[in-house]
C-alpha atoms as a PDB file:
ATOM      1  CA  MET A   1      82.616  76.706 116.377  1.00  0.00           C
ATOM      2  CA  LYS A   2      84.811  79.610 115.330  1.00  0.00           C
ATOM      3  CA  PHE A   3      83.661  83.184 115.697  1.00  0.00           C
ATOM      4  CA  SER A   4      84.482  85.731 113.060  1.00  0.00           C
ATOM      5  CA  LYS A   5      86.170  88.924 114.170  1.00  0.00           C
ATOM      6  CA  LYS A   6      83.024  90.844 113.230  1.00  0.00           C
ATOM      7  CA  LEU A   7      80.948  88.730 115.594  1.00  0.00           C
ATOM      8  CA  LEU A   8      83.548  89.253 118.310  1.00  0.00           C
ATOM      9  CA  ASP A   9      83.271  93.013 117.814  1.00  0.00           C
ATOM     10  CA  VAL A  10      79.483  92.751 118.172  1.00  0.00           C
ATOM     11  CA  ILE A  11      79.872  90.783 121.413  1.00  0.00           C
ATOM     12  CA  PHE A  12      82.255  93.405 122.781  1.00  0.00           C
ATOM     13  CA  ARG A  13      79.779  96.143 121.960  1.00  0.00           C
ATOM     14  CA  ILE A  14      77.047  94.253 123.818  1.00  0.00           C
ATOM     15  CA  ILE A  15      79.012  93.428 126.972  1.00  0.00           C
ATOM     16  CA  SER A  16      80.909  96.735 126.811  1.00  0.00           C
ATOM     17  CA  PRO A  17      84.190  95.807 128.538  1.00  0.00           C
ATOM     18  CA  ARG A  18      85.105  99.514 128.411  1.00  0.00           C
ATOM     19  CA  ARG A  19      82.271 100.298 130.854  1.00  0.00           C
ATOM     20  CA  MET A  20      83.070  97.223 132.925  1.00  0.00           C
ATOM     21  CA  LEU A  21      86.647  98.410 133.465  1.00  0.00           C
ATOM     22  CA  LEU A  22      85.506 101.797 134.722  1.00  0.00           C
ATOM     23  CA  SER A  23      82.876 100.320 137.057  1.00  0.00           C
ATOM     24  CA  ALA A  24      85.373  97.800 138.437  1.00  0.00           C
ATOM     25  CA  PHE A  25      87.252 100.573 140.206  1.00  0.00           C
ATOM     26  CA  GLN A  26      84.395 101.265 142.580  1.00  0.00           C
ATOM     27  CA  ASN A  27      83.262  97.678 143.148  1.00  0.00           C
ATOM     28  CA  PRO A  28      85.582  95.090 141.583  1.00  0.00           C
ATOM     29  CA  PRO A  29      83.940  91.673 141.205  1.00  0.00           C
ATOM     30  CA  ARG A  30      85.472  89.049 143.453  1.00  0.00           C
ATOM     31  CA  ARG A  31      84.655  85.413 142.796  1.00  0.00           C
ATOM     32  CA  ASN A  32      86.382  82.167 143.688  1.00  0.00           C
ATOM     33  CA  ALA A  33      89.036  82.166 140.962  1.00  0.00           C
ATOM     34  CA  VAL A  34      90.735  79.086 142.395  1.00  0.00           C
ATOM     35  CA  LEU A  35      87.496  77.100 142.178  1.00  0.00           C
ATOM     36  CA  SER A  36      87.031  78.143 138.546  1.00  0.00           C
ATOM     37  CA  MET A  37      90.594  76.991 137.761  1.00  0.00           C
ATOM     38  CA  LYS A  38      89.950  73.603 139.357  1.00  0.00           C
ATOM     39  CA  LEU A  39      86.691  73.198 137.457  1.00  0.00           C
ATOM     40  CA  VAL A  40      88.440  73.867 134.142  1.00  0.00           C
ATOM     41  CA  PHE A  41      91.497  71.742 134.897  1.00  0.00           C
ATOM     42  CA  GLY A  42      89.471  68.784 136.157  1.00  0.00           C
ATOM     43  CA  ARG A  43      91.293  66.048 138.057  1.00  0.00           C
ATOM     44  CA  GLN A  44      94.506  66.038 136.069  1.00  0.00           C
ATOM     45  CA  SER A  45      97.270  66.266 138.665  1.00  0.00           C
ATOM     46  CA  ILE A  46      96.097  69.476 140.302  1.00  0.00           C
ATOM     47  CA  ASN A  47      98.287  70.822 143.069  1.00  0.00           C
ATOM     48  CA  GLU A  48      97.712  73.993 145.100  1.00  0.00           C
ATOM     49  CA  ILE A  49     100.339  76.138 146.797  1.00  0.00           C
ATOM     50  CA  ARG A  50      99.100  78.784 149.221  1.00  0.00           C
ATOM     51  CA  THR A  51     101.151  81.853 150.078  1.00  0.00           C
ATOM     52  CA  ARG A  52     100.246  85.252 151.528  1.00  0.00           C
ATOM     53  CA  GLY A  53      96.554  84.413 151.245  1.00  0.00           C
ATOM     54  CA  HIS A  54      96.680  83.572 147.539  1.00  0.00           C
ATOM     55  CA  SER A  55      97.067  80.420 145.464  1.00  0.00           C
ATOM     56  CA  LEU A  56      99.119  78.913 142.685  1.00  0.00           C
ATOM     57  CA  ILE A  57      97.283  76.065 140.962  1.00  0.00           C
ATOM     58  CA  THR A  58      99.382  73.579 138.968  1.00  0.00           C
ATOM     59  CA  PHE A  59      97.926  71.442 136.192  1.00  0.00           C
ATOM     60  CA  ALA A  60      99.652  68.549 134.464  1.00  0.00           C
ATOM     61  CA  PRO A  61      98.217  66.765 131.412  1.00  0.00           C
ATOM     62  CA  GLN A  62      97.836  63.004 131.404  1.00  0.00           C
ATOM     63  CA  GLN A  63     100.504  62.720 128.724  1.00  0.00           C
ATOM     64  CA  LYS A  64     103.216  64.844 130.275  1.00  0.00           C
ATOM     65  CA  LYS A  65     106.354  64.550 128.141  1.00  0.00           C
ATOM     66  CA  SER A  66     108.237  67.801 128.726  1.00  0.00           C
ATOM     67  CA  ALA A  67     110.173  69.254 131.657  1.00  0.00           C
ATOM     68  CA  LEU A  68     108.924  72.725 130.731  1.00  0.00           C
ATOM     69  CA  HIS A  69     106.628  74.373 133.251  1.00  0.00           C
ATOM     70  CA  ILE A  70     104.481  77.372 132.278  1.00  0.00           C
ATOM     71  CA  VAL A  71     103.797  79.987 134.926  1.00  0.00           C
ATOM     72  CA  TYR A  72     100.750  81.894 133.687  1.00  0.00           C
ATOM     73  CA  LEU A  73      99.774  85.378 134.887  1.00  0.00           C
ATOM     74  CA  HIS A  74      96.319  86.367 133.690  1.00  0.00           C
ATOM     75  CA  GLY A  75      95.225  89.808 132.541  1.00  0.00           C
ATOM     76  CA  GLY A  76      92.553  92.124 133.873  1.00  0.00           C
ATOM     77  CA  ALA A  77      94.222  95.543 134.292  1.00  0.00           C
ATOM     78  CA  TYR A  78      95.500  94.430 137.720  1.00  0.00           C
ATOM     79  CA  VAL A  79      91.896  94.814 138.938  1.00  0.00           C
ATOM     80  CA  TRP A  80      89.892  91.913 137.490  1.00  0.00           C
ATOM     81  CA  GLN A  81      90.306  88.280 138.407  1.00  0.00           C
ATOM     82  CA  GLY A  82      91.081  85.582 135.880  1.00  0.00           C
ATOM     83  CA  THR A  83      88.307  83.943 133.888  1.00  0.00           C
ATOM     84  CA  TRP A  84      87.346  80.658 132.269  1.00  0.00           C
ATOM     85  CA  PHE A  85      88.870  81.946 129.011  1.00  0.00           C
ATOM     86  CA  HIS A  86      92.298  82.235 130.661  1.00  0.00           C
ATOM     87  CA  TRP A  87      92.249  78.788 132.274  1.00  0.00           C
ATOM     88  CA  LYS A  88      90.927  77.079 129.142  1.00  0.00           C
ATOM     89  CA  PHE A  89      93.678  78.693 127.070  1.00  0.00           C
ATOM     90  CA  VAL A  90      96.381  77.577 129.501  1.00  0.00           C
ATOM     91  CA  LYS A  91      95.000  74.045 129.705  1.00  0.00           C
ATOM     92  CA  THR A  92      95.026  73.737 125.913  1.00  0.00           C
ATOM     93  CA  ILE A  93      98.617  74.971 125.624  1.00  0.00           C
ATOM     94  CA  ALA A  94      99.860  72.700 128.427  1.00  0.00           C
ATOM     95  CA  ARG A  95      98.046  69.658 127.021  1.00  0.00           C
ATOM     96  CA  LYS A  96      99.401  70.141 123.496  1.00  0.00           C
ATOM     97  CA  ALA A  97     102.918  70.920 124.714  1.00  0.00           C
ATOM     98  CA  GLY A  98     102.829  68.046 127.204  1.00  0.00           C
ATOM     99  CA  CYS A  99     104.024  70.170 130.110  1.00  0.00           C
ATOM    100  CA  ARG A 100     102.947  71.452 133.501  1.00  0.00           C
ATOM    101  CA  ALA A 101     101.277  74.825 133.853  1.00  0.00           C
ATOM    102  CA  THR A 102     100.710  76.896 136.970  1.00  0.00           C
ATOM    103  CA  CYS A 103      98.102  79.664 137.097  1.00  0.00           C
ATOM    104  CA  VAL A 104      98.633  82.330 139.730  1.00  0.00           C
ATOM    105  CA  ASP A 105      95.779  84.009 141.598  1.00  0.00           C
ATOM    106  CA  TYR A 106      97.885  87.044 142.482  1.00  0.00           C
ATOM    107  CA  PRO A 107      96.774  90.068 144.619  1.00  0.00           C
ATOM    108  CA  LYS A 108      94.654  92.673 142.798  1.00  0.00           C
ATOM    109  CA  ALA A 109      94.010  96.382 143.126  1.00  0.00           C
ATOM    110  CA  PRO A 110      92.376  98.229 144.769  1.00  0.00           C
ATOM    111  CA  GLU A 111      92.748  95.919 147.795  1.00  0.00           C
ATOM    112  CA  HIS A 112      96.463  95.503 147.073  1.00  0.00           C
ATOM    113  CA  SER A 113      99.197  97.410 145.271  1.00  0.00           C
ATOM    114  CA  TYR A 114     102.049  96.089 143.151  1.00  0.00           C
ATOM    115  CA  VAL A 115     104.173  95.812 146.311  1.00  0.00           C
ATOM    116  CA  GLN A 116     101.993  93.028 147.722  1.00  0.00           C
ATOM    117  CA  THR A 117     101.701  91.436 144.279  1.00  0.00           C
ATOM    118  CA  PHE A 118     105.464  91.069 143.882  1.00  0.00           C
ATOM    119  CA  LYS A 119     105.932  89.786 147.441  1.00  0.00           C
ATOM    120  CA  MET A 120     103.387  87.077 146.730  1.00  0.00           C
ATOM    121  CA  LEU A 121     105.014  86.214 143.390  1.00  0.00           C
ATOM    122  CA  GLU A 122     108.466  85.917 144.971  1.00  0.00           C
ATOM    123  CA  ASP A 123     107.224  83.651 147.751  1.00  0.00           C
ATOM    124  CA  GLY A 124     105.050  81.605 145.398  1.00  0.00           C
ATOM    125  CA  PHE A 125     107.717  81.097 142.750  1.00  0.00           C
ATOM    126  CA  THR A 126     110.258  80.122 145.404  1.00  0.00           C
ATOM    127  CA  LYS A 127     107.905  77.414 146.677  1.00  0.00           C
ATOM    128  CA  LEU A 128     107.112  76.318 143.127  1.00  0.00           C
ATOM    129  CA  THR A 129     110.768  75.861 142.208  1.00  0.00           C
ATOM    130  CA  GLN A 130     111.352  73.933 145.426  1.00  0.00           C
ATOM    131  CA  GLN A 131     108.444  71.613 144.687  1.00  0.00           C
ATOM    132  CA  TYR A 132     109.485  71.068 141.047  1.00  0.00           C
ATOM    133  CA  PRO A 133     113.299  71.342 141.149  1.00  0.00           C
ATOM    134  CA  LEU A 134     113.849  69.608 137.805  1.00  0.00           C
ATOM    135  CA  ASP A 135     111.378  71.708 135.816  1.00  0.00           C
ATOM    136  CA  ARG A 136     112.417  74.386 133.316  1.00  0.00           C
ATOM    137  CA  PHE A 137     110.200  77.423 133.674  1.00  0.00           C
ATOM    138  CA  VAL A 138     108.464  79.587 131.089  1.00  0.00           C
ATOM    139  CA  PHE A 139     106.616  82.789 132.005  1.00  0.00           C
ATOM    140  CA  MET A 140     103.475  83.544 130.047  1.00  0.00           C
ATOM    141  CA  GLY A 141     100.813  86.208 130.501  1.00  0.00           C
ATOM    142  CA  ASP A 142      98.193  88.278 128.748  1.00  0.00           C
ATOM    143  CA  SER A 143      97.543  92.025 129.014  1.00  0.00           C
ATOM    144  CA  SER A 144      98.502  93.201 132.520  1.00  0.00           C
ATOM    145  CA  GLY A 145      99.639  89.633 133.204  1.00  0.00           C
ATOM    146  CA  GLY A 146     102.031  89.915 130.266  1.00  0.00           C
ATOM    147  CA  GLY A 147     103.531  93.064 131.718  1.00  0.00           C
ATOM    148  CA  LEU A 148     103.700  91.426 135.133  1.00  0.00           C
ATOM    149  CA  ALA A 149     105.441  88.364 133.691  1.00  0.00           C
ATOM    150  CA  LEU A 150     108.118  90.552 132.097  1.00  0.00           C
ATOM    151  CA  ALA A 151     108.568  92.705 135.205  1.00  0.00           C
ATOM    152  CA  PHE A 152     108.832  89.659 137.461  1.00  0.00           C
ATOM    153  CA  ALA A 153     111.432  88.079 135.168  1.00  0.00           C
ATOM    154  CA  GLN A 154     113.412  91.341 135.291  1.00  0.00           C
ATOM    155  CA  LYS A 155     113.218  91.348 139.080  1.00  0.00           C
ATOM    156  CA  LEU A 156     114.402  87.744 139.309  1.00  0.00           C
ATOM    157  CA  ALA A 157     117.354  88.612 137.068  1.00  0.00           C
ATOM    158  CA  GLU A 158     118.144  91.644 139.229  1.00  0.00           C
ATOM    159  CA  MET A 159     117.995  89.442 142.357  1.00  0.00           C
ATOM    160  CA  ASP A 160     120.202  86.827 140.661  1.00  0.00           C
ATOM    161  CA  PHE A 161     117.569  84.297 141.680  1.00  0.00           C
ATOM    162  CA  PRO A 162     118.858  80.731 141.187  1.00  0.00           C
ATOM    163  CA  VAL A 163     116.003  79.790 138.814  1.00  0.00           C
ATOM    164  CA  GLN A 164     115.272  82.015 135.833  1.00  0.00           C
ATOM    165  CA  PRO A 165     112.565  81.550 133.176  1.00  0.00           C
ATOM    166  CA  GLU A 166     113.971  80.206 129.913  1.00  0.00           C
ATOM    167  CA  LYS A 167     111.292  81.885 127.803  1.00  0.00           C
ATOM    168  CA  LEU A 168     108.783  84.708 128.106  1.00  0.00           C
ATOM    169  CA  ILE A 169     105.600  84.586 126.025  1.00  0.00           C
ATOM    170  CA  LEU A 170     103.658  87.853 126.235  1.00  0.00           C
ATOM    171  CA  LEU A 171     100.136  88.140 124.821  1.00  0.00           C
ATOM    172  CA  SER A 172      98.841  91.682 124.223  1.00  0.00           C
ATOM    173  CA  PRO A 173     101.104  92.805 127.087  1.00  0.00           C
ATOM    174  CA  TRP A 174     100.640  96.032 129.060  1.00  0.00           C
ATOM    175  CA  LEU A 175     104.260  97.167 129.086  1.00  0.00           C
ATOM    176  CA  ASP A 176     103.962 100.816 130.141  1.00  0.00           C
ATOM    177  CA  ILE A 177     101.226 101.819 132.568  1.00  0.00           C
ATOM    178  CA  THR A 178     102.034 105.530 132.165  1.00  0.00           C
ATOM    179  CA  MET A 179     100.278 105.334 128.762  1.00  0.00           C
ATOM    180  CA  GLU A 180     102.333 108.317 127.557  1.00  0.00           C
ATOM    181  CA  ASN A 181     103.117 107.031 124.063  1.00  0.00           C
ATOM    182  CA  PRO A 182     101.561 109.650 121.705  1.00  0.00           C
ATOM    183  CA  GLU A 183     100.602 106.945 119.187  1.00  0.00           C
ATOM    184  CA  ILE A 184      98.149 105.383 121.656  1.00  0.00           C
ATOM    185  CA  ALA A 185      95.449 107.990 121.025  1.00  0.00           C
ATOM    186  CA  GLN A 186      95.296 107.010 117.348  1.00  0.00           C
ATOM    187  CA  VAL A 187      94.730 103.345 118.171  1.00  0.00           C
ATOM    188  CA  GLU A 188      92.302 103.921 121.041  1.00  0.00           C
ATOM    189  CA  GLU A 189      89.340 104.503 118.739  1.00  0.00           C
ATOM    190  CA  LEU A 190      90.009 101.135 117.079  1.00  0.00           C
ATOM    191  CA  ASP A 191      90.134  99.233 120.384  1.00  0.00           C
ATOM    192  CA  SER A 192      86.758  97.739 121.304  1.00  0.00           C
ATOM    193  CA  MET A 193      87.868  96.699 124.803  1.00  0.00           C
ATOM    194  CA  LEU A 194      90.126  99.282 126.431  1.00  0.00           C
ATOM    195  CA  THR A 195      90.314 103.051 126.906  1.00  0.00           C
ATOM    196  CA  LEU A 196      93.021 105.401 128.079  1.00  0.00           C
ATOM    197  CA  GLU A 197      90.794 106.628 130.889  1.00  0.00           C
ATOM    198  CA  GLY A 198      90.123 103.121 132.137  1.00  0.00           C
ATOM    199  CA  LEU A 199      93.726 101.963 132.009  1.00  0.00           C
ATOM    200  CA  ARG A 200      95.048 105.111 133.651  1.00  0.00           C
ATOM    201  CA  GLY A 201      92.554 104.641 136.471  1.00  0.00           C
ATOM    202  CA  ALA A 202      93.619 101.041 136.965  1.00  0.00           C
ATOM    203  CA  ALA A 203      97.285 102.085 136.861  1.00  0.00           C
ATOM    204  CA  ASP A 204      96.721 104.630 139.637  1.00  0.00           C
ATOM    205  CA  LEU A 205      95.170 101.976 141.859  1.00  0.00           C
ATOM    206  CA  TYR A 206      97.907  99.423 141.229  1.00  0.00           C
ATOM    207  CA  ALA A 207     100.813 101.892 141.644  1.00  0.00           C
ATOM    208  CA  ASP A 208      99.268 103.349 144.824  1.00  0.00           C
ATOM    209  CA  GLY A 209     101.095 106.669 144.470  1.00  0.00           C
ATOM    210  CA  ASP A 210     104.481 105.318 143.406  1.00  0.00           C
ATOM    211  CA  ASP A 211     106.326 106.249 140.218  1.00  0.00           C
ATOM    212  CA  LYS A 212     104.470 104.502 137.394  1.00  0.00           C
ATOM    213  CA  SER A 213     107.551 104.576 135.166  1.00  0.00           C
ATOM    214  CA  HIS A 214     109.443 102.205 137.502  1.00  0.00           C
ATOM    215  CA  TYR A 215     110.204  98.954 135.744  1.00  0.00           C
ATOM    216  CA  LEU A 216     108.139  96.866 138.172  1.00  0.00           C
ATOM    217  CA  LEU A 217     105.121  98.830 136.964  1.00  0.00           C
ATOM    218  CA  SER A 218     106.259  99.597 133.407  1.00  0.00           C
ATOM    219  CA  PRO A 219     108.713  96.846 132.389  1.00  0.00           C
ATOM    220  CA  ILE A 220     109.331  98.549 129.044  1.00  0.00           C
ATOM    221  CA  ASN A 221     111.814 100.604 131.113  1.00  0.00           C
ATOM    222  CA  GLY A 222     113.491  97.576 132.681  1.00  0.00           C
ATOM    223  CA  ASN A 223     116.790  95.854 132.006  1.00  0.00           C
ATOM    224  CA  LEU A 224     116.587  93.071 129.422  1.00  0.00           C
ATOM    225  CA  LYS A 225     120.018  91.660 130.212  1.00  0.00           C
ATOM    226  CA  GLY A 226     119.905  88.071 131.357  1.00  0.00           C
ATOM    227  CA  LEU A 227     116.353  87.401 130.221  1.00  0.00           C
ATOM    228  CA  GLY A 228     115.367  84.314 128.270  1.00  0.00           C
ATOM    229  CA  ASP A 229     113.873  84.374 124.782  1.00  0.00           C
ATOM    230  CA  VAL A 230     110.993  86.857 124.515  1.00  0.00           C
ATOM    231  CA  SER A 231     107.991  86.463 122.192  1.00  0.00           C
ATOM    232  CA  VAL A 232     105.224  89.066 121.898  1.00  0.00           C
ATOM    233  CA  TYR A 233     101.816  88.586 120.232  1.00  0.00           C
ATOM    234  CA  ILE A 234      99.680  91.660 119.525  1.00  0.00           C
ATOM    235  CA  GLY A 235      96.908  92.931 117.241  1.00  0.00           C
ATOM    236  CA  THR A 236      96.954  96.297 115.473  1.00  0.00           C
ATOM    237  CA  HIS A 237      93.522  97.231 116.893  1.00  0.00           C
ATOM    238  CA  ASP A 238      94.897  96.965 120.419  1.00  0.00           C
ATOM    239  CA  ILE A 239      95.545 100.122 122.446  1.00  0.00           C
ATOM    240  CA  LEU A 240      98.747  98.446 123.702  1.00  0.00           C
ATOM    241  CA  TRP A 241     100.142  97.901 120.195  1.00  0.00           C
ATOM    242  CA  PRO A 242     102.182 101.156 120.036  1.00  0.00           C
ATOM    243  CA  ASP A 243     104.120 100.248 123.167  1.00  0.00           C
ATOM    244  CA  CYS A 244     104.825  96.747 121.850  1.00  0.00           C
ATOM    245  CA  LYS A 245     106.430  98.329 118.786  1.00  0.00           C
ATOM    246  CA  LEU A 246     108.419 100.664 121.020  1.00  0.00           C
ATOM    247  CA  PHE A 247     109.474  97.747 123.200  1.00  0.00           C
ATOM    248  CA  GLN A 248     110.935  95.921 120.219  1.00  0.00           C
ATOM    249  CA  GLU A 249     112.784  99.066 119.145  1.00  0.00           C
ATOM    250  CA  LYS A 250     114.225  99.630 122.627  1.00  0.00           C
ATOM    251  CA  ALA A 251     115.210  95.977 122.889  1.00  0.00           C
ATOM    252  CA  ALA A 252     117.013  96.107 119.535  1.00  0.00           C
ATOM    253  CA  LYS A 253     119.033  99.123 120.677  1.00  0.00           C
ATOM    254  CA  ALA A 254     119.958  97.187 123.818  1.00  0.00           C
ATOM    255  CA  GLY A 255     121.056  94.197 121.730  1.00  0.00           C
ATOM    256  CA  LYS A 256     118.103  92.007 122.709  1.00  0.00           C
ATOM    257  CA  LYS A 257     116.076  90.339 119.967  1.00  0.00           C
ATOM    258  CA  ILE A 258     112.318  90.264 120.530  1.00  0.00           C
ATOM    259  CA  ALA A 259     110.118  87.995 118.409  1.00  0.00           C
ATOM    260  CA  LEU A 260     107.170  90.310 117.673  1.00  0.00           C
ATOM    261  CA  HIS A 261     104.156  88.643 116.040  1.00  0.00           C
ATOM    262  CA  VAL A 262     101.652  91.194 114.726  1.00  0.00           C
ATOM    263  CA  TYR A 263      98.077  90.398 113.641  1.00  0.00           C
ATOM    264  CA  ASP A 264      96.449  92.998 111.440  1.00  0.00           C
ATOM    265  CA  GLY A 265      93.077  94.289 112.641  1.00  0.00           C
ATOM    266  CA  MET A 266      92.907  92.010 115.692  1.00  0.00           C
ATOM    267  CA  PRO A 267      91.664  93.300 119.068  1.00  0.00           C
ATOM    268  CA  HIS A 268      93.109  93.106 122.560  1.00  0.00           C
ATOM    269  CA  THR A 269      93.772  89.537 123.821  1.00  0.00           C
ATOM    270  CA  PHE A 270      92.161  88.067 120.698  1.00  0.00           C
ATOM    271  CA  MET A 271      94.172  84.893 121.223  1.00  0.00           C
ATOM    272  CA  LEU A 272      91.911  83.880 124.123  1.00  0.00           C
ATOM    273  CA  PHE A 273      88.867  83.658 121.845  1.00  0.00           C
ATOM    274  CA  PRO A 274      87.975  80.986 119.239  1.00  0.00           C
ATOM    275  CA  LEU A 275      89.263  82.753 116.122  1.00  0.00           C
ATOM    276  CA  PRO A 276      91.363  81.429 113.228  1.00  0.00           C
ATOM    277  CA  GLU A 277      94.112  83.882 114.213  1.00  0.00           C
ATOM    278  CA  SER A 278      94.015  82.505 117.749  1.00  0.00           C
ATOM    279  CA  ARG A 279      94.736  79.020 116.456  1.00  0.00           C
ATOM    280  CA  ASP A 280      97.761  80.451 114.644  1.00  0.00           C
ATOM    281  CA  VAL A 281      99.025  82.001 117.893  1.00  0.00           C
ATOM    282  CA  GLU A 282      98.441  78.710 119.664  1.00  0.00           C
ATOM    283  CA  LYS A 283     100.462  76.825 117.051  1.00  0.00           C
ATOM    284  CA  ARG A 284     103.322  79.323 117.231  1.00  0.00           C
ATOM    285  CA  ILE A 285     103.410  79.060 121.020  1.00  0.00           C
ATOM    286  CA  ILE A 286     103.458  75.257 120.886  1.00  0.00           C
ATOM    287  CA  ASP A 287     106.300  75.410 118.356  1.00  0.00           C
ATOM    288  CA  THR A 288     108.206  77.774 120.668  1.00  0.00           C
ATOM    289  CA  LEU A 289     107.698  75.492 123.662  1.00  0.00           C
ATOM    290  CA  THR A 290     108.553  72.249 121.893  1.00  0.00           C
ATOM    291  CA  ASP A 291     111.614  73.684 120.127  1.00  0.00           C
ATOM    292  CA  SER A 292     113.761  73.364 123.229  1.00  0.00           C
END
């Protein structure tokens, strides 16, 4: 069954993710994200890597035919854990592309800051590349996970790490946690999920007093040299849309081509929901992964 965008808007009004984001600061929900991943992935070649108290769960479809390996970083404003929607999306992409996919249960605020998150990612990715030395890696993420995927790729390039992601696929990415783009205020009233107040509060928790314009926190300010192909998917009713436009402009000035796919009237992370536009995103991603 496919939901219309209007029905999705009604659902958002009922569950009020804007209120949920604000309340999560005081008492963020903490469930067994690893168990939910395993339940979604089933028994298809699941492998778990533990590092710094967190897990990377690797799924491989029965008909694995590609050496590509997706590393997926879920969204949630660096505060919320991943959900069934994230794991189901990743499983579908990996199955249709015939490749492995690893979902990362990375450290969240307010218990942890970005410092602990990046330490865990470095250790986890090192172990992952050692376990799958012949795989070719792709970073993918939605919302805050999209920003984190870009920032982590920039850090790996800066470190001259021996394994670099060939592609970056960013879904409604949070690229600048300062939220200082003046165009954001105009889009905020169209966004049924996110608010400036909520995102700024989450950013404060994640940055833990450090400069929020630093590229590890706001990868729109990072170096794009040495990165693989970058694709961005975003809707025009997404509070993060203005910064995605700015990112493409900055990248062009730096000589880096960004494939920006824009969906008119679509909300934040729409691609995770059963919409016709989501199926189009899915097809484009599969084409990107299989055109290698």
